[in-house]
Each structure stands twice: as C-alpha cells, then as structure tokens.
Amino acid sequence: MMKNKITRIDNFAWLPGHGSSGYIYANVDLELHIGILYDQTYKNKSQIRLRRFSFPLPSFFLEEASPGPSLLDSWAPEGTLTFNCLYEVENSPWAKQWSEHWQRANSTFKHYGLSLEADNVLFQIVATGWKLSEPRVLCENHNDKKDKYYSLIEQHGIEYLFLKDCYGQPFE
C-alpha cells in the first residue's frame, strides 16, 4: 500500500514541557471540539488552562490508544508520527470518500490526526477544517485561595465549563 504524506500542522509549542493534564471532547452544533487541559504557573498563580481544537462537520471520529497499533500505521511513513501534534493525512481515502459522499453540499473533507503524549491517545478526525482557540483560564489558585471556578468544577465537573466554552457562554 502506498504511504501517504503526513503534514505536521501544529506542534503544540504552547503546551508546557510536562504535556497536557487531560483532554475532553464533545460534538456541539455540527462541530467536534477537543479540549486540551494543561496546568501552568503564571505570576505565582497555578492555573488550569484550556485550548480547544474545533473541527467543523465531522464525519468520522476515532479515539485510539497510543503508542500501539493504529489505522494510520499502514498510511504513514515510518517515523513521521510523533506526539503532541496535529497532522493532516494527505490523499486519505477516508477524506476522499466523505468528500464524494457530500459532493452535493460542496464540502471538501480532510483527514486529521491529533496526538497527545501525556494521555497516550491518538484521535483521527475527518472534517472540513480545523481551528485552535486562544488559551482560556478555567480556574486558578493563589496562596491556597481557590477562585470561583474551582467550586463550579467541583460541583458540576470540568465538562460543565468545557461545554460552556464550546457554546461561547460565560462560565457564571
């Protein structure tokens, strides 16, 4: 089988050296959102931050354990898949088939891979594009004084704030 070219799109230079603290995903209003959670210290404050990858019109989504066997293994040249990156698989048969399926909608689909080293996960997504949000502080802690968002997380879970972020709503 011919090996497809893998293009690295975003190498997560914004992620701290220890990697992510976790991830969360949701499908909201015909967009797949994958949130990358990470902690960072800023001005003596310990913060939990979120950056969100959004993929419009997702037609295929797969979460795989990594490292391990992957559906990308047969397409990717050896050594091209590294962690903490967003990839595009060029000439992907999946993207081609979904583009043909939705040809009346004039949608062109692309095949993406998103890998997270700290979480040992590889996502595969077929969608019409992607975008990355600016970092958002979910909560912070300064001298053991927790801000109001900690109580929201403790009460509702991190999913609550993530979904509010996906919908563009304030956290209150």
N, C-alpha and C. Protein backbone atom coordinates (compact mmCIF):
# COMPACT_ATOMS: atom_id res chain seq x y z
N MET A 1 0.84 -1.18 0.00
CA MET A 1 0.00 0.00 0.00
C MET A 1 0.89 1.25 0.00
N MET A 2 0.51 2.24 -0.80
CA MET A 2 1.27 3.48 -0.89
C MET A 2 1.19 4.26 0.42
N LYS A 3 2.30 4.81 0.84
CA LYS A 3 2.34 5.62 2.06
C LYS A 3 1.93 7.05 1.72
N ASN A 4 1.02 7.58 2.53
CA ASN A 4 0.57 8.95 2.34
C ASN A 4 1.49 9.92 3.06
N LYS A 5 1.52 11.13 2.55
CA LYS A 5 2.31 12.16 3.19
C LYS A 5 1.57 12.66 4.42
N ILE A 6 2.29 12.79 5.51
CA ILE A 6 1.74 13.31 6.74
C ILE A 6 2.33 14.70 6.94
N THR A 7 1.49 15.71 7.04
CA THR A 7 1.96 17.07 7.24
C THR A 7 1.66 17.49 8.67
N ARG A 8 2.68 17.90 9.38
CA ARG A 8 2.51 18.39 10.74
C ARG A 8 1.99 19.82 10.66
N ILE A 9 0.85 20.08 11.30
CA ILE A 9 0.22 21.39 11.22
C ILE A 9 0.53 22.23 12.44
N ASP A 10 0.39 21.66 13.62
CA ASP A 10 0.61 22.39 14.87
C ASP A 10 1.39 21.48 15.79
N ASN A 11 2.54 21.95 16.27
CA ASN A 11 3.37 21.09 17.11
C ASN A 11 3.21 21.38 18.60
N PHE A 12 2.16 22.09 18.96
CA PHE A 12 1.83 22.34 20.37
C PHE A 12 2.97 23.05 21.11
N ALA A 13 3.63 24.01 20.47
CA ALA A 13 4.69 24.76 21.14
C ALA A 13 4.15 25.47 22.38
N TRP A 14 2.86 25.68 22.42
CA TRP A 14 2.23 26.37 23.55
C TRP A 14 2.04 25.47 24.76
N LEU A 15 2.19 24.16 24.60
CA LEU A 15 1.97 23.22 25.70
C LEU A 15 3.20 23.20 26.61
N PRO A 16 3.01 23.19 27.95
CA PRO A 16 4.17 23.12 28.84
C PRO A 16 4.96 21.83 28.61
N GLY A 17 6.20 21.82 29.05
CA GLY A 17 7.08 20.68 28.82
C GLY A 17 6.56 19.36 29.36
N HIS A 18 5.78 19.40 30.43
CA HIS A 18 5.25 18.15 31.00
C HIS A 18 4.01 17.66 30.27
N GLY A 19 3.55 18.40 29.29
CA GLY A 19 2.42 17.95 28.47
C GLY A 19 1.07 18.38 29.01
N SER A 20 0.06 17.74 28.51
CA SER A 20 -1.30 18.10 28.91
C SER A 20 -1.67 17.45 30.23
N SER A 21 -2.70 18.00 30.86
CA SER A 21 -3.22 17.44 32.11
C SER A 21 -4.42 16.55 31.85
N GLY A 22 -4.90 16.58 30.63
CA GLY A 22 -6.07 15.78 30.28
C GLY A 22 -6.71 16.33 29.03
N TYR A 23 -7.76 15.68 28.61
CA TYR A 23 -8.49 16.13 27.43
C TYR A 23 -9.96 15.83 27.64
N ILE A 24 -10.75 16.47 26.84
CA ILE A 24 -12.20 16.29 26.89
C ILE A 24 -12.71 16.59 25.49
N TYR A 25 -13.79 15.93 25.09
CA TYR A 25 -14.33 16.25 23.77
C TYR A 25 -15.84 16.20 23.79
N ALA A 26 -16.41 16.93 22.83
CA ALA A 26 -17.87 16.98 22.70
C ALA A 26 -18.20 17.35 21.27
N ASN A 27 -19.35 16.88 20.80
CA ASN A 27 -19.86 17.24 19.48
C ASN A 27 -20.99 18.23 19.72
N VAL A 28 -20.79 19.48 19.31
CA VAL A 28 -21.74 20.55 19.58
C VAL A 28 -22.04 21.29 18.29
N ASP A 29 -23.30 21.35 17.91
CA ASP A 29 -23.72 22.13 16.73
C ASP A 29 -22.88 21.84 15.49
N LEU A 30 -22.78 20.57 15.11
CA LEU A 30 -22.06 20.13 13.91
C LEU A 30 -20.58 20.47 13.94
N GLU A 31 -20.02 20.57 15.13
CA GLU A 31 -18.58 20.76 15.29
C GLU A 31 -18.09 19.82 16.38
N LEU A 32 -16.97 19.17 16.12
CA LEU A 32 -16.31 18.36 17.12
C LEU A 32 -15.30 19.24 17.83
N HIS A 33 -15.38 19.29 19.14
CA HIS A 33 -14.45 20.09 19.95
C HIS A 33 -13.62 19.14 20.80
N ILE A 34 -12.30 19.28 20.71
CA ILE A 34 -11.40 18.52 21.56
C ILE A 34 -10.63 19.54 22.39
N GLY A 35 -10.88 19.52 23.68
CA GLY A 35 -10.23 20.46 24.59
C GLY A 35 -8.98 19.84 25.20
N ILE A 36 -7.90 20.59 25.17
CA ILE A 36 -6.64 20.16 25.78
C ILE A 36 -6.49 20.96 27.08
N LEU A 37 -6.48 20.25 28.20
CA LEU A 37 -6.32 20.88 29.50
C LEU A 37 -4.86 20.80 29.91
N TYR A 38 -4.34 21.89 30.46
CA TYR A 38 -2.96 21.87 30.95
C TYR A 38 -2.84 22.86 32.10
N ASP A 39 -1.89 22.57 32.99
CA ASP A 39 -1.67 23.49 34.10
C ASP A 39 -0.41 24.30 33.84
N GLN A 40 -0.45 25.52 34.32
CA GLN A 40 0.65 26.43 34.09
C GLN A 40 0.70 27.42 35.24
N THR A 41 1.89 27.82 35.62
CA THR A 41 2.03 28.83 36.66
C THR A 41 2.26 30.17 35.99
N TYR A 42 1.47 31.16 36.39
CA TYR A 42 1.56 32.49 35.81
C TYR A 42 1.44 33.49 36.95
N LYS A 43 2.47 34.31 37.14
CA LYS A 43 2.50 35.31 38.22
C LYS A 43 2.16 34.68 39.57
N ASN A 44 2.86 33.62 39.90
CA ASN A 44 2.69 32.89 41.17
C ASN A 44 1.30 32.29 41.34
N LYS A 45 0.56 32.14 40.28
CA LYS A 45 -0.76 31.52 40.35
C LYS A 45 -0.74 30.23 39.55
N SER A 46 -1.23 29.18 40.15
CA SER A 46 -1.36 27.91 39.46
C SER A 46 -2.68 27.94 38.70
N GLN A 47 -2.61 27.79 37.39
CA GLN A 47 -3.80 27.90 36.56
C GLN A 47 -4.07 26.59 35.83
N ILE A 48 -5.35 26.29 35.64
CA ILE A 48 -5.76 25.24 34.72
C ILE A 48 -6.25 25.95 33.47
N ARG A 49 -5.61 25.66 32.36
CA ARG A 49 -5.95 26.33 31.10
C ARG A 49 -6.54 25.33 30.11
N LEU A 50 -7.24 25.89 29.13
CA LEU A 50 -7.89 25.09 28.10
C LEU A 50 -7.61 25.72 26.74
N ARG A 51 -7.23 24.89 25.79
CA ARG A 51 -7.22 25.29 24.38
C ARG A 51 -8.06 24.25 23.66
N ARG A 52 -8.85 24.72 22.75
CA ARG A 52 -9.85 23.86 22.11
C ARG A 52 -9.62 23.80 20.61
N PHE A 53 -9.45 22.57 20.10
CA PHE A 53 -9.45 22.34 18.66
C PHE A 53 -10.90 22.12 18.24
N SER A 54 -11.33 22.81 17.19
CA SER A 54 -12.69 22.64 16.66
C SER A 54 -12.59 22.15 15.22
N PHE A 55 -13.38 21.13 14.93
CA PHE A 55 -13.41 20.52 13.60
C PHE A 55 -14.84 20.59 13.07
N PRO A 56 -15.12 21.46 12.07
CA PRO A 56 -16.49 21.56 11.55
C PRO A 56 -16.89 20.35 10.71
N LEU A 57 -18.14 20.01 10.78
CA LEU A 57 -18.75 18.91 10.03
C LEU A 57 -17.96 17.60 10.15
N PRO A 58 -17.74 17.12 11.35
CA PRO A 58 -17.00 15.87 11.49
C PRO A 58 -17.82 14.70 10.98
N SER A 59 -17.26 13.95 10.05
CA SER A 59 -17.95 12.78 9.51
C SER A 59 -17.39 11.49 10.06
N PHE A 60 -16.21 11.56 10.64
CA PHE A 60 -15.59 10.38 11.22
C PHE A 60 -14.74 10.82 12.39
N PHE A 61 -14.82 10.08 13.50
CA PHE A 61 -14.03 10.38 14.69
C PHE A 61 -13.66 9.07 15.36
N LEU A 62 -12.39 8.91 15.69
CA LEU A 62 -11.91 7.70 16.32
C LEU A 62 -10.88 8.07 17.37
N GLU A 63 -10.99 7.46 18.53
CA GLU A 63 -10.01 7.64 19.61
C GLU A 63 -9.25 6.33 19.77
N GLU A 64 -7.92 6.39 19.63
CA GLU A 64 -7.09 5.19 19.72
C GLU A 64 -6.06 5.33 20.84
N ALA A 65 -5.71 4.23 21.47
CA ALA A 65 -4.61 4.23 22.42
C ALA A 65 -3.30 4.38 21.66
N SER A 66 -2.38 5.12 22.25
CA SER A 66 -1.11 5.34 21.57
C SER A 66 -0.01 5.43 22.63
N PRO A 67 1.13 4.80 22.49
CA PRO A 67 1.52 4.05 21.31
C PRO A 67 0.79 2.72 21.24
N GLY A 68 0.73 2.22 20.05
CA GLY A 68 0.06 0.96 19.78
C GLY A 68 -0.33 0.90 18.33
N PRO A 69 -0.94 -0.19 17.90
CA PRO A 69 -1.37 -0.28 16.51
C PRO A 69 -2.38 0.82 16.20
N SER A 70 -2.26 1.39 15.03
CA SER A 70 -3.14 2.48 14.63
C SER A 70 -3.59 2.27 13.19
N LEU A 71 -4.74 2.80 12.87
CA LEU A 71 -5.19 2.77 11.48
C LEU A 71 -4.28 3.59 10.59
N LEU A 72 -3.54 4.54 11.17
CA LEU A 72 -2.61 5.34 10.39
C LEU A 72 -1.34 4.59 10.03
N ASP A 73 -1.04 3.50 10.74
CA ASP A 73 0.23 2.79 10.52
C ASP A 73 0.45 2.39 9.07
N SER A 74 -0.59 1.96 8.40
CA SER A 74 -0.42 1.49 7.02
C SER A 74 -0.27 2.65 6.03
N TRP A 75 -0.59 3.86 6.46
CA TRP A 75 -0.52 5.00 5.54
C TRP A 75 0.67 5.91 5.80
N ALA A 76 1.15 5.93 7.03
CA ALA A 76 2.16 6.91 7.41
C ALA A 76 3.57 6.37 7.20
N PRO A 77 4.44 7.17 6.59
CA PRO A 77 5.84 6.76 6.52
C PRO A 77 6.39 6.59 7.93
N GLU A 78 7.21 5.58 8.14
CA GLU A 78 7.73 5.29 9.47
C GLU A 78 8.49 6.50 10.03
N GLY A 79 8.25 6.79 11.30
CA GLY A 79 8.94 7.88 11.97
C GLY A 79 8.28 9.24 11.82
N THR A 80 7.16 9.33 11.11
CA THR A 80 6.53 10.64 10.92
C THR A 80 5.51 10.96 12.01
N LEU A 81 5.05 9.95 12.73
CA LEU A 81 4.06 10.21 13.77
C LEU A 81 4.76 10.44 15.10
N THR A 82 4.70 11.66 15.59
CA THR A 82 5.25 11.99 16.89
C THR A 82 4.12 12.53 17.75
N PHE A 83 4.38 12.66 19.02
CA PHE A 83 3.33 13.09 19.94
C PHE A 83 3.17 14.61 19.97
N ASN A 84 2.04 15.02 20.55
CA ASN A 84 1.70 16.42 20.75
C ASN A 84 1.73 17.20 19.45
N CYS A 85 1.04 16.68 18.46
CA CYS A 85 0.97 17.33 17.15
C CYS A 85 -0.42 17.14 16.55
N LEU A 86 -0.76 18.06 15.68
CA LEU A 86 -1.92 17.90 14.80
C LEU A 86 -1.36 17.62 13.42
N TYR A 87 -1.86 16.57 12.79
CA TYR A 87 -1.39 16.15 11.47
C TYR A 87 -2.52 16.22 10.46
N GLU A 88 -2.13 16.37 9.20
CA GLU A 88 -3.08 16.14 8.11
C GLU A 88 -2.54 14.97 7.28
N VAL A 89 -3.41 14.02 7.01
CA VAL A 89 -3.05 12.88 6.16
C VAL A 89 -3.48 13.25 4.75
N GLU A 90 -2.51 13.54 3.89
CA GLU A 90 -2.84 13.95 2.53
C GLU A 90 -3.24 12.73 1.70
N ASN A 91 -4.15 12.92 0.78
CA ASN A 91 -4.66 11.85 -0.10
C ASN A 91 -5.28 10.70 0.68
N SER A 92 -5.89 11.02 1.79
CA SER A 92 -6.52 9.98 2.61
C SER A 92 -7.74 9.41 1.91
N PRO A 93 -7.86 8.09 1.84
CA PRO A 93 -9.05 7.51 1.23
C PRO A 93 -10.32 7.84 2.02
N TRP A 94 -10.20 8.01 3.32
CA TRP A 94 -11.38 8.37 4.12
C TRP A 94 -11.88 9.76 3.73
N ALA A 95 -10.96 10.72 3.65
CA ALA A 95 -11.35 12.08 3.28
C ALA A 95 -11.95 12.10 1.88
N LYS A 96 -11.36 11.35 0.98
CA LYS A 96 -11.86 11.30 -0.40
C LYS A 96 -13.28 10.73 -0.44
N GLN A 97 -13.51 9.65 0.29
CA GLN A 97 -14.84 9.04 0.29
C GLN A 97 -15.89 9.96 0.90
N TRP A 98 -15.55 10.65 1.98
CA TRP A 98 -16.53 11.57 2.59
C TRP A 98 -16.78 12.78 1.70
N SER A 99 -15.76 13.27 1.00
CA SER A 99 -15.95 14.38 0.06
C SER A 99 -16.88 13.97 -1.07
N GLU A 100 -16.69 12.74 -1.58
CA GLU A 100 -17.58 12.24 -2.63
C GLU A 100 -19.00 12.05 -2.12
N HIS A 101 -19.12 11.57 -0.91
CA HIS A 101 -20.44 11.35 -0.31
C HIS A 101 -21.22 12.67 -0.17
N TRP A 102 -20.53 13.73 0.21
CA TRP A 102 -21.18 15.02 0.43
C TRP A 102 -20.94 15.99 -0.72
N GLN A 103 -20.71 15.49 -1.94
CA GLN A 103 -20.38 16.37 -3.06
C GLN A 103 -21.48 17.38 -3.37
N ARG A 104 -22.73 17.03 -3.10
CA ARG A 104 -23.82 17.98 -3.35
C ARG A 104 -23.74 19.18 -2.42
N ALA A 105 -23.14 19.00 -1.28
CA ALA A 105 -23.00 20.10 -0.32
C ALA A 105 -21.74 20.92 -0.58
N ASN A 106 -21.00 20.57 -1.62
CA ASN A 106 -19.74 21.25 -1.96
C ASN A 106 -18.78 21.31 -0.77
N SER A 107 -18.69 20.23 -0.04
CA SER A 107 -17.79 20.16 1.11
C SER A 107 -16.58 19.31 0.77
N THR A 108 -15.41 19.82 1.08
CA THR A 108 -14.18 19.07 0.90
C THR A 108 -13.68 18.66 2.27
N PHE A 109 -13.52 17.37 2.47
CA PHE A 109 -13.11 16.85 3.76
C PHE A 109 -11.62 16.56 3.78
N LYS A 110 -11.05 16.68 4.97
CA LYS A 110 -9.64 16.38 5.20
C LYS A 110 -9.54 15.42 6.38
N HIS A 111 -8.48 14.67 6.39
CA HIS A 111 -8.24 13.67 7.44
C HIS A 111 -7.15 14.21 8.37
N TYR A 112 -7.49 14.30 9.66
CA TYR A 112 -6.56 14.82 10.66
C TYR A 112 -6.25 13.76 11.70
N GLY A 113 -5.05 13.85 12.25
CA GLY A 113 -4.65 13.06 13.41
C GLY A 113 -4.21 14.02 14.49
N LEU A 114 -4.64 13.79 15.71
CA LEU A 114 -4.28 14.64 16.84
C LEU A 114 -3.74 13.73 17.93
N SER A 115 -2.47 13.91 18.30
CA SER A 115 -1.85 13.00 19.27
C SER A 115 -1.50 13.75 20.55
N LEU A 116 -1.73 13.09 21.68
CA LEU A 116 -1.42 13.65 22.99
C LEU A 116 -0.56 12.66 23.76
N GLU A 117 0.68 13.03 23.99
CA GLU A 117 1.63 12.12 24.63
C GLU A 117 1.26 11.82 26.08
N ALA A 118 0.97 12.83 26.88
CA ALA A 118 0.71 12.62 28.31
C ALA A 118 -0.52 11.74 28.52
N ASP A 119 -1.43 11.76 27.58
CA ASP A 119 -2.67 10.99 27.70
C ASP A 119 -2.64 9.68 26.91
N ASN A 120 -1.54 9.46 26.17
CA ASN A 120 -1.40 8.24 25.35
C ASN A 120 -2.61 8.01 24.45
N VAL A 121 -2.95 9.03 23.68
CA VAL A 121 -4.12 8.93 22.83
C VAL A 121 -3.83 9.54 21.46
N LEU A 122 -4.44 8.96 20.45
CA LEU A 122 -4.39 9.49 19.08
C LEU A 122 -5.82 9.57 18.58
N PHE A 123 -6.24 10.76 18.19
CA PHE A 123 -7.56 10.95 17.61
C PHE A 123 -7.42 10.98 16.10
N GLN A 124 -8.38 10.42 15.41
CA GLN A 124 -8.46 10.53 13.96
C GLN A 124 -9.80 11.18 13.64
N ILE A 125 -9.75 12.22 12.83
CA ILE A 125 -10.95 13.00 12.53
C ILE A 125 -10.99 13.25 11.03
N VAL A 126 -12.15 13.09 10.44
CA VAL A 126 -12.38 13.53 9.06
C VAL A 126 -13.40 14.65 9.16
N ALA A 127 -12.98 15.85 8.75
CA ALA A 127 -13.83 17.05 8.86
C ALA A 127 -13.44 18.02 7.75
N THR A 128 -14.12 19.16 7.69
CA THR A 128 -13.86 20.12 6.61
C THR A 128 -12.78 21.13 6.96
N GLY A 129 -12.24 21.10 8.14
CA GLY A 129 -11.19 22.03 8.53
C GLY A 129 -10.94 21.94 10.03
N TRP A 130 -10.21 22.92 10.54
CA TRP A 130 -9.93 22.96 11.97
C TRP A 130 -9.56 24.37 12.37
N LYS A 131 -9.70 24.65 13.65
CA LYS A 131 -9.20 25.91 14.21
C LYS A 131 -8.84 25.65 15.67
N LEU A 132 -7.95 26.48 16.19
CA LEU A 132 -7.48 26.36 17.56
C LEU A 132 -7.84 27.63 18.30
N SER A 133 -8.50 27.48 19.44
CA SER A 133 -8.90 28.64 20.23
C SER A 133 -7.69 29.24 20.94
N GLU A 134 -7.86 30.45 21.39
CA GLU A 134 -6.87 31.07 22.27
C GLU A 134 -6.94 30.37 23.62
N PRO A 135 -5.88 30.44 24.42
CA PRO A 135 -5.94 29.81 25.74
C PRO A 135 -6.98 30.48 26.62
N ARG A 136 -7.64 29.68 27.41
CA ARG A 136 -8.64 30.21 28.33
C ARG A 136 -8.33 29.65 29.72
N VAL A 137 -8.28 30.53 30.70
CA VAL A 137 -8.04 30.11 32.08
C VAL A 137 -9.36 29.60 32.64
N LEU A 138 -9.37 28.31 33.01
CA LEU A 138 -10.58 27.74 33.61
C LEU A 138 -10.65 28.08 35.09
N CYS A 139 -9.53 27.99 35.77
CA CYS A 139 -9.51 28.35 37.19
C CYS A 139 -8.06 28.55 37.61
N GLU A 140 -7.90 29.23 38.74
CA GLU A 140 -6.56 29.46 39.25
C GLU A 140 -6.56 29.41 40.77
N ASN A 141 -5.39 29.19 41.30
CA ASN A 141 -5.21 29.06 42.73
C ASN A 141 -4.01 29.91 43.12
N HIS A 142 -4.19 30.79 44.09
CA HIS A 142 -3.11 31.66 44.55
C HIS A 142 -3.06 31.59 46.06
N ASN A 143 -1.93 31.16 46.59
CA ASN A 143 -1.78 31.02 48.05
C ASN A 143 -2.91 30.22 48.68
N ASP A 144 -3.26 29.12 48.04
CA ASP A 144 -4.31 28.22 48.53
C ASP A 144 -5.70 28.84 48.58
N LYS A 145 -5.89 29.96 47.92
CA LYS A 145 -7.24 30.55 47.82
C LYS A 145 -7.79 30.17 46.45
N LYS A 146 -8.82 29.38 46.44
CA LYS A 146 -9.39 28.90 45.18
C LYS A 146 -10.35 29.94 44.62
N ASP A 147 -10.33 30.11 43.30
CA ASP A 147 -11.26 31.05 42.68
C ASP A 147 -12.63 30.40 42.50
N LYS A 148 -13.57 31.18 42.03
CA LYS A 148 -14.96 30.71 41.93
C LYS A 148 -15.14 29.54 40.97
N TYR A 149 -14.24 29.39 39.99
CA TYR A 149 -14.41 28.32 39.02
C TYR A 149 -14.08 26.95 39.61
N TYR A 150 -13.21 26.92 40.62
CA TYR A 150 -12.94 25.64 41.29
C TYR A 150 -14.23 25.05 41.84
N SER A 151 -15.06 25.91 42.44
CA SER A 151 -16.31 25.38 43.01
C SER A 151 -17.25 24.89 41.90
N LEU A 152 -17.25 25.57 40.74
CA LEU A 152 -18.07 25.10 39.62
C LEU A 152 -17.59 23.74 39.13
N ILE A 153 -16.27 23.56 39.06
CA ILE A 153 -15.71 22.28 38.63
C ILE A 153 -16.03 21.20 39.66
N GLU A 154 -15.87 21.53 40.95
CA GLU A 154 -16.17 20.55 41.99
C GLU A 154 -17.64 20.17 41.98
N GLN A 155 -18.50 21.14 41.68
CA GLN A 155 -19.95 20.90 41.71
C GLN A 155 -20.44 20.19 40.45
N HIS A 156 -20.00 20.64 39.27
CA HIS A 156 -20.55 20.14 38.00
C HIS A 156 -19.58 19.29 37.19
N GLY A 157 -18.29 19.35 37.49
CA GLY A 157 -17.29 18.65 36.69
C GLY A 157 -16.71 19.56 35.62
N ILE A 158 -15.54 19.20 35.12
CA ILE A 158 -14.86 20.00 34.11
C ILE A 158 -15.68 20.09 32.83
N GLU A 159 -16.52 19.08 32.57
CA GLU A 159 -17.35 19.07 31.37
C GLU A 159 -18.26 20.29 31.31
N TYR A 160 -18.71 20.74 32.46
CA TYR A 160 -19.61 21.89 32.54
C TYR A 160 -18.95 23.13 31.93
N LEU A 161 -17.71 23.43 32.37
CA LEU A 161 -17.03 24.61 31.84
C LEU A 161 -16.65 24.42 30.38
N PHE A 162 -16.27 23.20 30.01
CA PHE A 162 -15.89 22.94 28.62
C PHE A 162 -17.07 23.18 27.68
N LEU A 163 -18.24 22.67 28.03
CA LEU A 163 -19.42 22.87 27.17
C LEU A 163 -19.80 24.33 27.11
N LYS A 164 -19.69 25.05 28.20
CA LYS A 164 -19.96 26.49 28.16
C LYS A 164 -18.98 27.18 27.21
N ASP A 165 -17.71 26.75 27.24
CA ASP A 165 -16.72 27.33 26.34
C ASP A 165 -17.05 27.01 24.89
N CYS A 166 -17.49 25.78 24.61
CA CYS A 166 -17.85 25.39 23.24
C CYS A 166 -19.00 26.23 22.71
N TYR A 167 -19.95 26.55 23.58
CA TYR A 167 -21.09 27.36 23.17
C TYR A 167 -20.80 28.86 23.23
N GLY A 168 -19.61 29.24 23.68
CA GLY A 168 -19.26 30.65 23.76
C GLY A 168 -19.98 31.37 24.88
N GLN A 169 -20.36 30.65 25.92
CA GLN A 169 -21.09 31.24 27.04
C GLN A 169 -20.13 31.58 28.17
N PRO A 170 -20.50 32.60 28.97
CA PRO A 170 -19.68 32.88 30.16
C PRO A 170 -19.81 31.74 31.16
N PHE A 171 -18.82 31.59 32.01
CA PHE A 171 -18.80 30.48 32.96
C PHE A 171 -19.76 30.64 34.12
N GLU A 172 -20.16 31.86 34.46
CA GLU A 172 -21.02 32.06 35.63
C GLU A 172 -22.33 31.34 35.50
